[in-house]
Protein backbone atom coordinates (compact mmCIF):
# COMPACT_ATOMS: atom_id res chain seq x y z
CA UNK A 1 0.00 0.00 0.00
CA UNK A 2 1.34 3.36 -0.97
CA UNK A 3 0.54 7.06 -1.04
CA UNK A 4 0.66 8.07 -4.71
CA UNK A 5 -0.18 11.77 -4.40
CA UNK A 6 -1.08 14.37 -1.76
CA UNK A 7 -3.59 16.88 -3.14
CA UNK A 8 -4.85 20.15 -1.70
CA UNK A 9 -7.14 23.00 -2.67
CA UNK A 10 -8.60 26.20 -1.27
CA UNK A 11 -12.19 27.36 -1.60
CA UNK A 12 -13.13 29.12 -4.79
CA UNK A 13 -16.32 30.46 -6.25
CA UNK A 14 -17.52 28.99 -9.54
CA UNK A 15 -20.65 29.26 -11.64
CA UNK A 16 -22.96 26.24 -11.70
CA UNK A 17 -26.42 26.23 -13.24
CA UNK A 18 -26.74 30.00 -13.00
CA UNK A 19 -25.58 30.29 -9.39
CA UNK A 20 -22.30 31.12 -7.68
CA UNK A 21 -21.12 28.13 -5.66
CA UNK A 22 -18.26 27.98 -3.16
CA UNK A 23 -16.29 24.74 -3.46
CA UNK A 24 -12.95 23.16 -2.63
CA UNK A 25 -13.35 20.13 -4.91
CA UNK A 26 -10.57 21.33 -7.19
CA UNK A 27 -7.41 19.74 -5.75
CA UNK A 28 -3.86 19.73 -7.12
CA UNK A 29 -0.87 17.56 -6.18
CA UNK A 30 1.78 19.09 -3.92
CA UNK A 31 5.49 18.35 -4.00
CA UNK A 32 7.48 17.39 -0.95
CA UNK A 33 6.23 16.66 2.53
CA UNK A 34 3.19 18.35 4.05
CA UNK A 35 1.83 18.60 7.56
CA UNK A 36 -1.36 16.75 8.47
CA UNK A 37 -3.39 18.39 11.23
CA UNK A 38 -6.50 17.22 13.05
CA UNK A 39 -8.80 19.05 10.64
CA UNK A 40 -7.01 18.93 7.30
CA UNK A 41 -3.78 18.85 5.36
CA UNK A 42 -1.61 21.96 5.17
CA UNK A 43 -2.70 23.98 2.14
CA UNK A 44 -6.17 22.43 2.06
CA UNK A 45 -9.46 23.87 3.25
CA UNK A 46 -12.99 22.50 3.10
CA UNK A 47 -15.78 24.81 1.92
CA UNK A 48 -18.92 23.28 3.42
CA UNK A 49 -18.23 21.97 6.91
CA UNK A 50 -21.80 20.68 7.25
CA UNK A 51 -20.92 17.72 4.99
CA UNK A 52 -17.13 17.72 4.59
CA UNK A 53 -14.32 18.21 7.02
CA UNK A 54 -14.35 18.33 10.77
CA UNK A 55 -12.51 15.75 12.82
CA UNK A 56 -14.35 12.73 11.34
CA UNK A 57 -13.87 13.77 7.69
CA UNK A 58 -10.58 15.64 7.83
CA UNK A 59 -8.96 13.82 4.89
CA UNK A 60 -10.48 12.16 1.82
CA UNK A 61 -8.67 9.16 0.28
CA UNK A 62 -9.37 7.77 -3.19
CA UNK A 63 -7.89 4.59 -4.72
CA UNK A 64 -5.54 5.33 -7.61
CA UNK A 65 -6.66 2.03 -9.18
CA UNK A 66 -10.03 3.65 -10.01
CA UNK A 67 -8.48 6.17 -12.39
CA UNK A 68 -8.21 3.53 -15.18
CA UNK A 69 -11.97 2.92 -14.95
CA UNK A 70 -12.73 6.64 -15.13
CA UNK A 71 -10.34 7.23 -18.04
CA UNK A 72 -12.34 4.66 -19.99
CA UNK A 73 -15.73 5.90 -18.75
CA UNK A 74 -14.89 9.57 -19.42
CA UNK A 75 -12.88 9.56 -22.66
CA UNK A 76 -11.10 12.80 -23.42
CA UNK A 77 -11.35 14.07 -19.84
CA UNK A 78 -8.03 14.97 -18.26
CA UNK A 79 -7.71 13.20 -14.89
CA UNK A 80 -4.68 14.30 -12.88
CA UNK A 81 -4.37 13.08 -9.28
CA UNK A 82 -6.90 14.88 -7.10
CA UNK A 83 -9.55 14.97 -9.84
CA UNK A 84 -12.22 13.50 -7.56
CA UNK A 85 -11.51 16.00 -4.81
CA UNK A 86 -9.34 13.57 -2.87
CA UNK A 87 -6.57 14.67 -0.57
CA UNK A 88 -4.80 11.34 -0.84
CA UNK A 89 -4.54 9.28 -4.02
CA UNK A 90 -3.72 5.86 -2.56
CA UNK A 91 -2.71 2.49 -3.95
CA UNK A 92 -3.83 -0.83 -2.46
CA UNK A 93 -6.76 0.44 -0.38
CA UNK A 94 -9.94 -0.57 -2.19
CA UNK A 95 -13.43 -0.12 -0.74
CA UNK A 96 -14.06 -3.90 -0.54
CA UNK A 97 -10.96 -4.38 1.66
CA UNK A 98 -11.06 -1.21 3.75
CA UNK A 99 -13.33 -1.17 6.80
CA UNK A 100 -14.74 1.61 8.93
CA UNK A 101 -12.50 1.72 11.98
CA UNK A 102 -9.34 0.42 10.26
CA UNK A 103 -6.22 2.35 11.22
CA UNK A 104 -3.34 3.21 8.89
CA UNK A 105 -0.02 5.04 9.13
CA UNK A 106 1.65 7.04 6.35
CA UNK A 107 4.78 9.02 7.05
CA UNK A 108 4.56 10.11 10.67
CA UNK A 109 0.74 10.56 10.61
CA UNK A 110 -1.87 8.03 11.68
CA UNK A 111 -5.44 7.81 10.38
CA UNK A 112 -8.67 5.91 11.04
CA UNK A 113 -11.26 5.16 8.34
CA UNK A 114 -14.58 6.78 9.26
CA UNK A 115 -17.01 6.79 6.34
CA UNK A 116 -17.36 6.37 2.59
CA UNK A 117 -17.71 9.48 0.50
CA UNK A 118 -21.28 10.03 -0.55
CA UNK A 119 -20.85 12.79 -3.15
CA UNK A 120 -22.91 15.91 -3.51
CA UNK A 121 -23.65 17.97 -6.62
CA UNK A 122 -20.17 19.50 -6.49
CA UNK A 123 -18.77 16.36 -8.12
CA UNK A 124 -21.12 17.05 -11.05
CA UNK A 125 -19.91 20.66 -11.02
CA UNK A 126 -16.24 19.52 -11.07
CA UNK A 127 -16.78 17.43 -14.19
CA UNK A 128 -19.50 19.66 -15.69
CA UNK A 129 -21.68 16.54 -15.97
CA UNK A 130 -25.09 16.52 -14.27
CA UNK A 131 -25.03 12.69 -14.26
CA UNK A 132 -21.68 12.38 -12.48
CA UNK A 133 -22.98 11.82 -8.92
CA UNK A 134 -25.22 8.99 -10.12
CA UNK A 135 -22.39 7.44 -12.17
CA UNK A 136 -19.96 7.75 -9.27
CA UNK A 137 -22.28 5.99 -6.80
CA UNK A 138 -23.29 3.33 -9.31
CA UNK A 139 -19.61 2.54 -9.93
CA UNK A 140 -19.01 1.80 -6.24
CA UNK A 141 -15.73 3.69 -6.55
CA UNK A 142 -16.32 6.23 -3.79
CA UNK A 143 -13.18 6.34 -1.68
CA UNK A 144 -13.42 7.07 2.02
CA UNK A 145 -12.89 9.66 4.72
CA UNK A 146 -10.21 9.53 7.37
CA UNK A 147 -9.92 11.08 10.81
CA UNK A 148 -6.43 12.05 11.89
CA UNK A 149 -5.41 10.14 15.02
CA UNK A 150 -1.84 11.41 15.08
CA UNK A 151 -0.71 14.58 13.38
CA UNK A 152 2.46 14.34 11.34
CA UNK A 153 3.98 14.74 7.89
CA UNK A 154 3.28 12.81 4.70
CA UNK A 155 4.48 12.86 1.12
CA UNK A 156 3.90 11.11 -2.18
CA UNK A 157 5.69 7.77 -2.23
CA UNK A 158 5.20 7.05 1.47
CA UNK A 159 4.29 3.47 2.34
CA UNK A 160 0.90 3.03 3.97
CA UNK A 161 0.98 0.57 6.84
CA UNK A 162 -2.05 -1.10 8.41
CA UNK A 163 -1.89 -0.43 12.16
CA UNK A 164 -5.14 -2.13 13.28
CA UNK A 165 -8.30 -3.59 11.75
CA UNK A 166 -11.73 -2.89 13.15
CA UNK A 167 -13.23 -5.91 14.90
CA UNK A 168 -16.63 -5.44 13.22
CA UNK A 169 -15.09 -5.55 9.72
CA UNK A 170 -17.80 -3.57 7.90
CA UNK A 171 -16.31 -2.65 4.54
CA UNK A 172 -16.65 0.76 2.94
CA UNK A 173 -18.26 -1.00 -0.05
CA UNK A 174 -20.94 -2.53 2.22
CA UNK A 175 -21.68 0.86 3.78
CA UNK A 176 -22.00 2.49 0.34
CA UNK A 177 -24.37 -0.28 -0.79
CA UNK A 178 -26.53 0.16 2.33
CA UNK A 179 -26.61 3.96 2.01
CA UNK A 180 -27.40 3.72 -1.70
CA UNK A 181 -30.32 1.36 -1.01
CA UNK A 182 -31.55 3.75 1.66
CA UNK A 183 -31.33 6.73 -0.72
CA UNK A 184 -33.21 4.79 -3.41
CA UNK A 185 -35.93 3.94 -0.90
CA UNK A 186 -36.35 7.61 -0.01
CA UNK A 187 -37.38 8.50 -3.57
């Protein structure tokens, strides 16, 4: 397991469907080592703390393996690391094998998996595709949020080490499936 890229972004205002929207979904890779704090990564800032950020969703991780799928599904779309709004592009941590409560170390920082990402309309805004949220959820390639257990420094290329596995072993994929069924039932 490895950290492929560390990506950060600051809030910006963009136009979406005739309205001005504040978003931090646009992330770009950073060079070198960066500090990870309890609430985010140095150089990063969440825009809407009602659904992103805070201690339980301080960092968003997305499997680098999913980029091949999206390159095929979205031909002609440039997809640099951070394209899905992730702070960490990771290798070897897929939703079927990552469980809420699992703990990982990268660099000198330690994280715990808290929740899958359930995207909002800002993912559609990022790709300028109204169908993107639906496609993202249907793909099951959601990534997951991390809380920061131990502040430290990380950088692209760092190994990711499993520190502990949650005893309940509920995978991120299972949580996404349950939440998706619940959302479908609400309609």
